[in-house]
Amino acid sequence: MFGEAQERIDQCRHLADTEPLERAVPALAEACEVFCCGVAACELAARHLARSLGRIGRHARSVGATGFALADPMLALGQGDAVMIFQPGRQLYELSLLVERPRGSDCVPGGHGRLRERGPAA
């Protein structure tokens, strides 16, 4: 049983691209607040991350709303915040708005949903 579990872990390591994770960790570390968004089965992972960040003293919230109900949590997004999206295999329109929203405000995406102030290079 343990051998099979180890084989699955090794297989996942070979399938996983670590570059996005290496970019996401500094963005989460520097964020004023982290919005952990997950839908359906992925909501559990979002809640887990928000709880874990809270336990180490970071400001984080979990959002599982979709559609019209997602608007209220999105209003709280601000400069210096990060968004971590957990979604099923297909891209959901509501969650893509969390990445697109900064383009219409005073912020622009700075890598994996991290927000930074709009400047000349934007």
Foldseek 3Di string as FASTA:
>chain_A
DVVVVVVVVVVVVVVDDCVLVVQVVVLQVFAQEEEQEEEDPQQVVSQVVCVVCVVVPHHYDYDHDFDPVLVVVLVPDDARYAYAYGYPPDDDPRVVCLQVVQVPDQWHADGRRGTHGDDPVD
